[in-house]
Amino acid sequence: MSLKFSKKEKLKSRKAIQQLFQARQSIHVFPLRLIWGRMETPLSKAPAQFAVSVPKRAFAKAVKRNRIKRIIREVYRLNKKAFYDALPLEEGNQFGFMFLYSGKREPTFGEIEKALKKLIKILPKRLAKVKEGSV
């Protein structure tokens, strides 16, 4: 598995992002909230697509928002293999993920990495619950 963050893995479709928010499946590990869902129609050959959002209300300057987004994307890129291992990847199955930063101050790389690793541990349990139909 490549550690690259390819164009196929970027979630850019407005319809797909709206679909994620309508599904209302999320996990919160401070300072990240992960909104996720199974894509009805795969948008690419990548097993998962993801996007990052940082609120303008908390960080008025675009420079700070972009830095936080870069940190989150880099942590995801480095831990992508563990993230994919946590997903039930069957043929034609694709997931969409939206990371929302919920902190009030600029995070360090370590804080984001710690939160993402906790999310990776929680995600398979939540996926199993959804598969059973209890969520």
N, C-alpha and C. Protein backbone atom coordinates (compact mmCIF):
# COMPACT_ATOMS: atom_id res chain seq x y z
N MET A 1 0.84 -1.19 0.00
CA MET A 1 0.00 0.00 0.00
C MET A 1 0.88 1.24 0.00
N SER A 2 0.53 2.16 -0.84
CA SER A 2 1.28 3.40 -0.98
C SER A 2 0.90 4.38 0.13
N LEU A 3 1.86 5.13 0.58
CA LEU A 3 1.57 6.16 1.57
C LEU A 3 1.20 7.50 0.94
N LYS A 4 1.01 7.50 -0.36
CA LYS A 4 0.62 8.73 -1.05
C LYS A 4 -0.83 9.06 -0.72
N PHE A 5 -1.17 10.32 -0.85
CA PHE A 5 -2.54 10.77 -0.70
C PHE A 5 -2.99 11.19 -2.09
N SER A 6 -3.58 10.24 -2.83
CA SER A 6 -3.90 10.47 -4.23
C SER A 6 -5.19 11.25 -4.40
N LYS A 7 -5.39 11.72 -5.62
CA LYS A 7 -6.58 12.48 -5.97
C LYS A 7 -7.84 11.63 -5.82
N LYS A 8 -7.72 10.32 -6.05
CA LYS A 8 -8.86 9.41 -5.93
C LYS A 8 -9.38 9.33 -4.50
N GLU A 9 -8.54 9.66 -3.52
CA GLU A 9 -8.92 9.55 -2.12
C GLU A 9 -9.53 10.82 -1.55
N LYS A 10 -9.60 11.87 -2.34
CA LYS A 10 -10.15 13.14 -1.87
C LYS A 10 -11.67 13.16 -2.09
N LEU A 11 -12.38 13.50 -1.08
CA LEU A 11 -13.84 13.60 -1.15
C LEU A 11 -14.17 15.05 -1.50
N LYS A 12 -14.70 15.25 -2.71
CA LYS A 12 -14.98 16.61 -3.17
C LYS A 12 -16.43 16.81 -3.60
N SER A 13 -17.16 15.75 -3.77
CA SER A 13 -18.53 15.83 -4.26
C SER A 13 -19.47 16.39 -3.19
N ARG A 14 -20.20 17.43 -3.54
CA ARG A 14 -21.14 18.02 -2.58
C ARG A 14 -22.24 17.03 -2.20
N LYS A 15 -22.70 16.28 -3.19
CA LYS A 15 -23.75 15.28 -2.92
C LYS A 15 -23.25 14.24 -1.92
N ALA A 16 -22.02 13.78 -2.10
CA ALA A 16 -21.46 12.77 -1.20
C ALA A 16 -21.29 13.33 0.20
N ILE A 17 -20.85 14.57 0.32
CA ILE A 17 -20.67 15.19 1.64
C ILE A 17 -22.03 15.38 2.32
N GLN A 18 -23.05 15.80 1.56
CA GLN A 18 -24.40 15.93 2.12
C GLN A 18 -24.92 14.57 2.58
N GLN A 19 -24.63 13.55 1.81
CA GLN A 19 -25.04 12.19 2.15
C GLN A 19 -24.42 11.77 3.50
N LEU A 20 -23.16 12.14 3.72
CA LEU A 20 -22.50 11.81 4.99
C LEU A 20 -23.20 12.48 6.16
N PHE A 21 -23.51 13.77 6.01
CA PHE A 21 -24.12 14.50 7.10
C PHE A 21 -25.55 14.03 7.35
N GLN A 22 -26.24 13.56 6.33
CA GLN A 22 -27.59 13.04 6.51
C GLN A 22 -27.58 11.68 7.21
N ALA A 23 -26.52 10.91 7.00
CA ALA A 23 -26.42 9.60 7.66
C ALA A 23 -26.25 9.74 9.17
N ARG A 24 -25.66 10.84 9.62
CA ARG A 24 -25.49 11.16 11.04
C ARG A 24 -24.76 10.08 11.83
N GLN A 25 -23.75 9.52 11.24
CA GLN A 25 -22.92 8.56 11.94
C GLN A 25 -21.60 9.26 12.23
N SER A 26 -21.32 9.44 13.52
CA SER A 26 -20.10 10.16 13.85
C SER A 26 -19.47 9.62 15.13
N ILE A 27 -18.18 9.90 15.22
CA ILE A 27 -17.40 9.53 16.40
C ILE A 27 -16.63 10.79 16.78
N HIS A 28 -16.61 11.11 18.07
CA HIS A 28 -15.89 12.30 18.52
C HIS A 28 -14.79 11.90 19.49
N VAL A 29 -13.57 12.22 19.13
CA VAL A 29 -12.42 12.08 20.02
C VAL A 29 -11.73 13.43 19.94
N PHE A 30 -11.78 14.18 21.03
CA PHE A 30 -11.26 15.54 21.01
C PHE A 30 -9.83 15.57 20.50
N PRO A 31 -9.49 16.43 19.59
CA PRO A 31 -10.20 17.53 18.95
C PRO A 31 -10.77 17.19 17.58
N LEU A 32 -11.01 15.91 17.27
CA LEU A 32 -11.53 15.53 15.95
C LEU A 32 -12.91 14.90 16.06
N ARG A 33 -13.75 15.22 15.10
CA ARG A 33 -15.02 14.52 14.94
C ARG A 33 -14.95 13.87 13.57
N LEU A 34 -15.25 12.59 13.52
CA LEU A 34 -15.24 11.84 12.28
C LEU A 34 -16.68 11.53 11.90
N ILE A 35 -17.10 12.08 10.78
CA ILE A 35 -18.43 11.79 10.23
C ILE A 35 -18.18 10.82 9.09
N TRP A 36 -18.87 9.69 9.11
CA TRP A 36 -18.58 8.66 8.13
C TRP A 36 -19.85 8.00 7.62
N GLY A 37 -19.70 7.33 6.51
CA GLY A 37 -20.82 6.59 5.95
C GLY A 37 -20.37 5.77 4.76
N ARG A 38 -21.16 4.79 4.45
CA ARG A 38 -20.90 3.96 3.27
C ARG A 38 -21.46 4.70 2.06
N MET A 39 -20.68 4.78 1.00
CA MET A 39 -21.10 5.49 -0.21
C MET A 39 -22.05 4.59 -0.99
N GLU A 40 -23.16 5.16 -1.44
CA GLU A 40 -24.14 4.38 -2.21
C GLU A 40 -23.55 3.94 -3.55
N THR A 41 -22.93 4.88 -4.23
CA THR A 41 -22.27 4.55 -5.50
C THR A 41 -20.81 4.96 -5.37
N PRO A 42 -19.89 4.04 -5.56
CA PRO A 42 -18.47 4.39 -5.44
C PRO A 42 -18.09 5.50 -6.43
N LEU A 43 -17.37 6.49 -5.93
CA LEU A 43 -16.96 7.62 -6.75
C LEU A 43 -15.59 7.40 -7.40
N SER A 44 -14.83 6.47 -6.86
CA SER A 44 -13.51 6.16 -7.42
C SER A 44 -13.15 4.73 -7.02
N LYS A 45 -11.94 4.31 -7.38
CA LYS A 45 -11.50 2.95 -7.04
C LYS A 45 -10.89 2.87 -5.64
N ALA A 46 -10.71 4.00 -4.99
CA ALA A 46 -10.15 4.02 -3.63
C ALA A 46 -11.17 3.44 -2.66
N PRO A 47 -10.72 2.67 -1.66
CA PRO A 47 -11.65 2.10 -0.69
C PRO A 47 -12.29 3.14 0.23
N ALA A 48 -11.64 4.28 0.36
CA ALA A 48 -12.18 5.34 1.21
C ALA A 48 -11.79 6.70 0.63
N GLN A 49 -12.70 7.65 0.78
CA GLN A 49 -12.41 9.03 0.41
C GLN A 49 -12.63 9.88 1.65
N PHE A 50 -11.83 10.93 1.77
CA PHE A 50 -12.04 11.76 2.95
C PHE A 50 -11.79 13.22 2.67
N ALA A 51 -12.38 14.05 3.53
CA ALA A 51 -12.24 15.50 3.45
C ALA A 51 -12.00 16.02 4.86
N VAL A 52 -11.50 17.24 4.94
CA VAL A 52 -11.18 17.87 6.22
C VAL A 52 -11.84 19.23 6.27
N SER A 53 -12.35 19.59 7.44
CA SER A 53 -12.96 20.90 7.61
C SER A 53 -12.53 21.50 8.95
N VAL A 54 -12.20 22.78 8.92
CA VAL A 54 -11.83 23.52 10.13
C VAL A 54 -12.73 24.76 10.16
N PRO A 55 -13.43 25.01 11.26
CA PRO A 55 -14.40 26.11 11.30
C PRO A 55 -13.76 27.50 11.22
N LYS A 56 -14.38 28.32 10.41
CA LYS A 56 -13.91 29.70 10.24
C LYS A 56 -14.18 30.51 11.51
N ARG A 57 -15.20 30.13 12.25
CA ARG A 57 -15.55 30.84 13.48
C ARG A 57 -14.44 30.74 14.52
N ALA A 58 -13.82 29.57 14.62
CA ALA A 58 -12.75 29.36 15.60
C ALA A 58 -11.41 29.91 15.12
N PHE A 59 -11.18 29.86 13.80
CA PHE A 59 -9.91 30.31 13.23
C PHE A 59 -10.21 31.24 12.06
N ALA A 60 -10.24 32.52 12.34
CA ALA A 60 -10.61 33.51 11.33
C ALA A 60 -9.61 33.59 10.20
N LYS A 61 -8.33 33.39 10.51
CA LYS A 61 -7.30 33.51 9.47
C LYS A 61 -7.15 32.19 8.71
N ALA A 62 -7.19 32.29 7.39
CA ALA A 62 -7.09 31.12 6.52
C ALA A 62 -5.76 30.40 6.70
N VAL A 63 -4.72 31.12 7.04
CA VAL A 63 -3.39 30.52 7.23
C VAL A 63 -3.45 29.46 8.33
N LYS A 64 -4.10 29.78 9.44
CA LYS A 64 -4.20 28.83 10.55
C LYS A 64 -5.09 27.65 10.18
N ARG A 65 -6.22 27.92 9.50
CA ARG A 65 -7.11 26.83 9.08
C ARG A 65 -6.39 25.88 8.15
N ASN A 66 -5.66 26.43 7.20
CA ASN A 66 -4.95 25.59 6.23
C ASN A 66 -3.85 24.77 6.90
N ARG A 67 -3.18 25.34 7.89
CA ARG A 67 -2.13 24.60 8.60
C ARG A 67 -2.74 23.41 9.35
N ILE A 68 -3.87 23.63 10.01
CA ILE A 68 -4.53 22.54 10.73
C ILE A 68 -4.96 21.45 9.76
N LYS A 69 -5.50 21.85 8.61
CA LYS A 69 -5.91 20.87 7.60
C LYS A 69 -4.72 20.08 7.09
N ARG A 70 -3.59 20.74 6.89
CA ARG A 70 -2.38 20.05 6.43
C ARG A 70 -1.92 19.02 7.45
N ILE A 71 -1.97 19.39 8.73
CA ILE A 71 -1.56 18.46 9.80
C ILE A 71 -2.48 17.24 9.80
N ILE A 72 -3.79 17.45 9.70
CA ILE A 72 -4.74 16.33 9.73
C ILE A 72 -4.53 15.43 8.51
N ARG A 73 -4.34 16.01 7.34
CA ARG A 73 -4.11 15.20 6.13
C ARG A 73 -2.82 14.39 6.24
N GLU A 74 -1.78 14.98 6.80
CA GLU A 74 -0.50 14.29 6.94
C GLU A 74 -0.61 13.13 7.94
N VAL A 75 -1.29 13.34 9.05
CA VAL A 75 -1.48 12.28 10.03
C VAL A 75 -2.30 11.15 9.40
N TYR A 76 -3.33 11.50 8.66
CA TYR A 76 -4.14 10.48 7.98
C TYR A 76 -3.28 9.70 6.98
N ARG A 77 -2.48 10.41 6.21
CA ARG A 77 -1.64 9.78 5.20
C ARG A 77 -0.68 8.77 5.83
N LEU A 78 -0.07 9.15 6.94
CA LEU A 78 0.89 8.27 7.60
C LEU A 78 0.23 7.07 8.29
N ASN A 79 -1.03 7.21 8.69
CA ASN A 79 -1.75 6.13 9.38
C ASN A 79 -2.82 5.49 8.50
N LYS A 80 -2.72 5.70 7.20
CA LYS A 80 -3.73 5.22 6.26
C LYS A 80 -3.86 3.69 6.28
N LYS A 81 -2.76 3.00 6.39
CA LYS A 81 -2.79 1.54 6.38
C LYS A 81 -3.61 1.01 7.56
N ALA A 82 -3.40 1.54 8.74
CA ALA A 82 -4.16 1.11 9.92
C ALA A 82 -5.64 1.46 9.75
N PHE A 83 -5.89 2.59 9.13
CA PHE A 83 -7.26 3.04 8.89
C PHE A 83 -7.97 2.08 7.94
N TYR A 84 -7.31 1.71 6.85
CA TYR A 84 -7.89 0.78 5.88
C TYR A 84 -8.05 -0.61 6.48
N ASP A 85 -7.14 -1.02 7.34
CA ASP A 85 -7.24 -2.33 7.99
C ASP A 85 -8.48 -2.40 8.90
N ALA A 86 -8.91 -1.26 9.41
CA ALA A 86 -10.07 -1.22 10.30
C ALA A 86 -11.39 -1.29 9.52
N LEU A 87 -11.35 -1.09 8.21
CA LEU A 87 -12.56 -1.07 7.39
C LEU A 87 -12.88 -2.46 6.84
N PRO A 88 -14.16 -2.80 6.77
CA PRO A 88 -14.53 -4.05 6.09
C PRO A 88 -14.57 -3.81 4.59
N LEU A 89 -13.50 -4.10 3.92
CA LEU A 89 -13.38 -3.78 2.49
C LEU A 89 -13.78 -4.98 1.64
N GLU A 90 -15.04 -4.97 1.22
CA GLU A 90 -15.52 -5.98 0.28
C GLU A 90 -15.53 -5.36 -1.11
N GLU A 91 -15.77 -6.17 -2.11
CA GLU A 91 -15.79 -5.71 -3.49
C GLU A 91 -16.87 -4.65 -3.69
N GLY A 92 -16.51 -3.52 -4.25
CA GLY A 92 -17.48 -2.46 -4.54
C GLY A 92 -17.90 -1.65 -3.33
N ASN A 93 -17.24 -1.83 -2.21
CA ASN A 93 -17.57 -1.13 -0.97
C ASN A 93 -16.68 0.10 -0.85
N GLN A 94 -17.26 1.26 -0.63
CA GLN A 94 -16.46 2.47 -0.45
C GLN A 94 -17.05 3.29 0.69
N PHE A 95 -16.16 3.85 1.49
CA PHE A 95 -16.58 4.68 2.62
C PHE A 95 -16.19 6.13 2.37
N GLY A 96 -16.97 7.02 2.94
CA GLY A 96 -16.66 8.44 2.91
C GLY A 96 -16.42 8.91 4.33
N PHE A 97 -15.39 9.73 4.51
CA PHE A 97 -15.06 10.26 5.84
C PHE A 97 -14.89 11.76 5.77
N MET A 98 -15.37 12.43 6.80
CA MET A 98 -15.20 13.87 6.92
C MET A 98 -14.64 14.14 8.32
N PHE A 99 -13.45 14.70 8.37
CA PHE A 99 -12.84 15.05 9.65
C PHE A 99 -13.15 16.51 9.93
N LEU A 100 -13.75 16.77 11.09
CA LEU A 100 -14.04 18.13 11.52
C LEU A 100 -13.17 18.43 12.74
N TYR A 101 -12.45 19.53 12.69
CA TYR A 101 -11.63 19.92 13.83
C TYR A 101 -12.50 20.71 14.78
N SER A 102 -12.53 20.32 16.05
CA SER A 102 -13.42 20.98 17.02
C SER A 102 -12.69 21.72 18.12
N GLY A 103 -11.38 21.80 18.06
CA GLY A 103 -10.61 22.50 19.10
C GLY A 103 -10.66 24.00 18.95
N LYS A 104 -10.24 24.69 19.97
CA LYS A 104 -10.24 26.16 19.96
C LYS A 104 -8.85 26.75 19.73
N ARG A 105 -7.82 25.90 19.80
CA ARG A 105 -6.46 26.39 19.58
C ARG A 105 -5.76 25.51 18.56
N GLU A 106 -4.67 26.02 18.02
CA GLU A 106 -3.92 25.28 17.02
C GLU A 106 -3.30 24.02 17.64
N PRO A 107 -3.55 22.85 17.05
CA PRO A 107 -3.04 21.61 17.63
C PRO A 107 -1.61 21.30 17.19
N THR A 108 -1.00 20.38 17.91
CA THR A 108 0.31 19.88 17.50
C THR A 108 0.08 18.60 16.70
N PHE A 109 1.09 18.18 15.99
CA PHE A 109 1.03 16.96 15.21
C PHE A 109 0.71 15.77 16.12
N GLY A 110 1.34 15.73 17.29
CA GLY A 110 1.14 14.63 18.23
C GLY A 110 -0.29 14.53 18.74
N GLU A 111 -0.93 15.67 19.01
CA GLU A 111 -2.31 15.66 19.50
C GLU A 111 -3.25 15.07 18.45
N ILE A 112 -3.07 15.48 17.21
CA ILE A 112 -3.91 14.98 16.13
C ILE A 112 -3.67 13.49 15.90
N GLU A 113 -2.40 13.09 15.95
CA GLU A 113 -2.07 11.68 15.73
C GLU A 113 -2.69 10.80 16.82
N LYS A 114 -2.63 11.26 18.06
CA LYS A 114 -3.20 10.52 19.18
C LYS A 114 -4.72 10.36 19.01
N ALA A 115 -5.40 11.44 18.61
CA ALA A 115 -6.85 11.40 18.41
C ALA A 115 -7.21 10.48 17.24
N LEU A 116 -6.44 10.53 16.16
CA LEU A 116 -6.73 9.69 15.00
C LEU A 116 -6.54 8.22 15.32
N LYS A 117 -5.53 7.89 16.10
CA LYS A 117 -5.31 6.49 16.48
C LYS A 117 -6.46 5.98 17.35
N LYS A 118 -7.01 6.84 18.22
CA LYS A 118 -8.17 6.44 19.02
C LYS A 118 -9.38 6.21 18.11
N LEU A 119 -9.54 7.07 17.11
CA LEU A 119 -10.64 6.90 16.15
C LEU A 119 -10.51 5.58 15.40
N ILE A 120 -9.28 5.22 15.05
CA ILE A 120 -9.04 3.97 14.32
C ILE A 120 -9.44 2.76 15.18
N LYS A 121 -9.25 2.86 16.50
CA LYS A 121 -9.64 1.77 17.40
C LYS A 121 -11.16 1.68 17.56
N ILE A 122 -11.84 2.82 17.56
CA ILE A 122 -13.29 2.86 17.79
C ILE A 122 -14.08 2.51 16.53
N LEU A 123 -13.57 2.87 15.37
CA LEU A 123 -14.31 2.74 14.12
C LEU A 123 -14.80 1.32 13.82
N PRO A 124 -13.99 0.27 13.95
CA PRO A 124 -14.51 -1.08 13.63
C PRO A 124 -15.69 -1.49 14.51
N LYS A 125 -15.69 -1.05 15.77
CA LYS A 125 -16.80 -1.38 16.67
C LYS A 125 -18.08 -0.70 16.19
N ARG A 126 -17.97 0.55 15.78
CA ARG A 126 -19.14 1.28 15.28
C ARG A 126 -19.64 0.69 13.96
N LEU A 127 -18.71 0.30 13.10
CA LEU A 127 -19.11 -0.32 11.84
C LEU A 127 -19.85 -1.62 12.08
N ALA A 128 -19.40 -2.39 13.06
CA ALA A 128 -20.07 -3.65 13.41
C ALA A 128 -21.48 -3.38 13.93
N LYS A 129 -21.64 -2.34 14.74
CA LYS A 129 -22.97 -2.00 15.27
C LYS A 129 -23.93 -1.62 14.13
N VAL A 130 -23.42 -0.85 13.17
CA VAL A 130 -24.25 -0.42 12.04
C VAL A 130 -24.63 -1.63 11.19
N LYS A 131 -23.70 -2.56 11.03
CA LYS A 131 -23.97 -3.76 10.24
C LYS A 131 -25.05 -4.61 10.90
N GLU A 132 -25.02 -4.64 12.24
CA GLU A 132 -26.04 -5.38 12.99
C GLU A 132 -27.39 -4.65 12.97
N GLY A 133 -27.34 -3.34 12.74
CA GLY A 133 -28.57 -2.55 12.70
C GLY A 133 -28.96 -1.93 14.03
N SER A 134 -28.04 -1.86 14.97
CA SER A 134 -28.38 -1.32 16.29
C SER A 134 -28.14 0.17 16.41
N VAL A 135 -27.56 0.81 15.40
CA VAL A 135 -27.35 2.27 15.49
C VAL A 135 -28.36 2.97 14.66
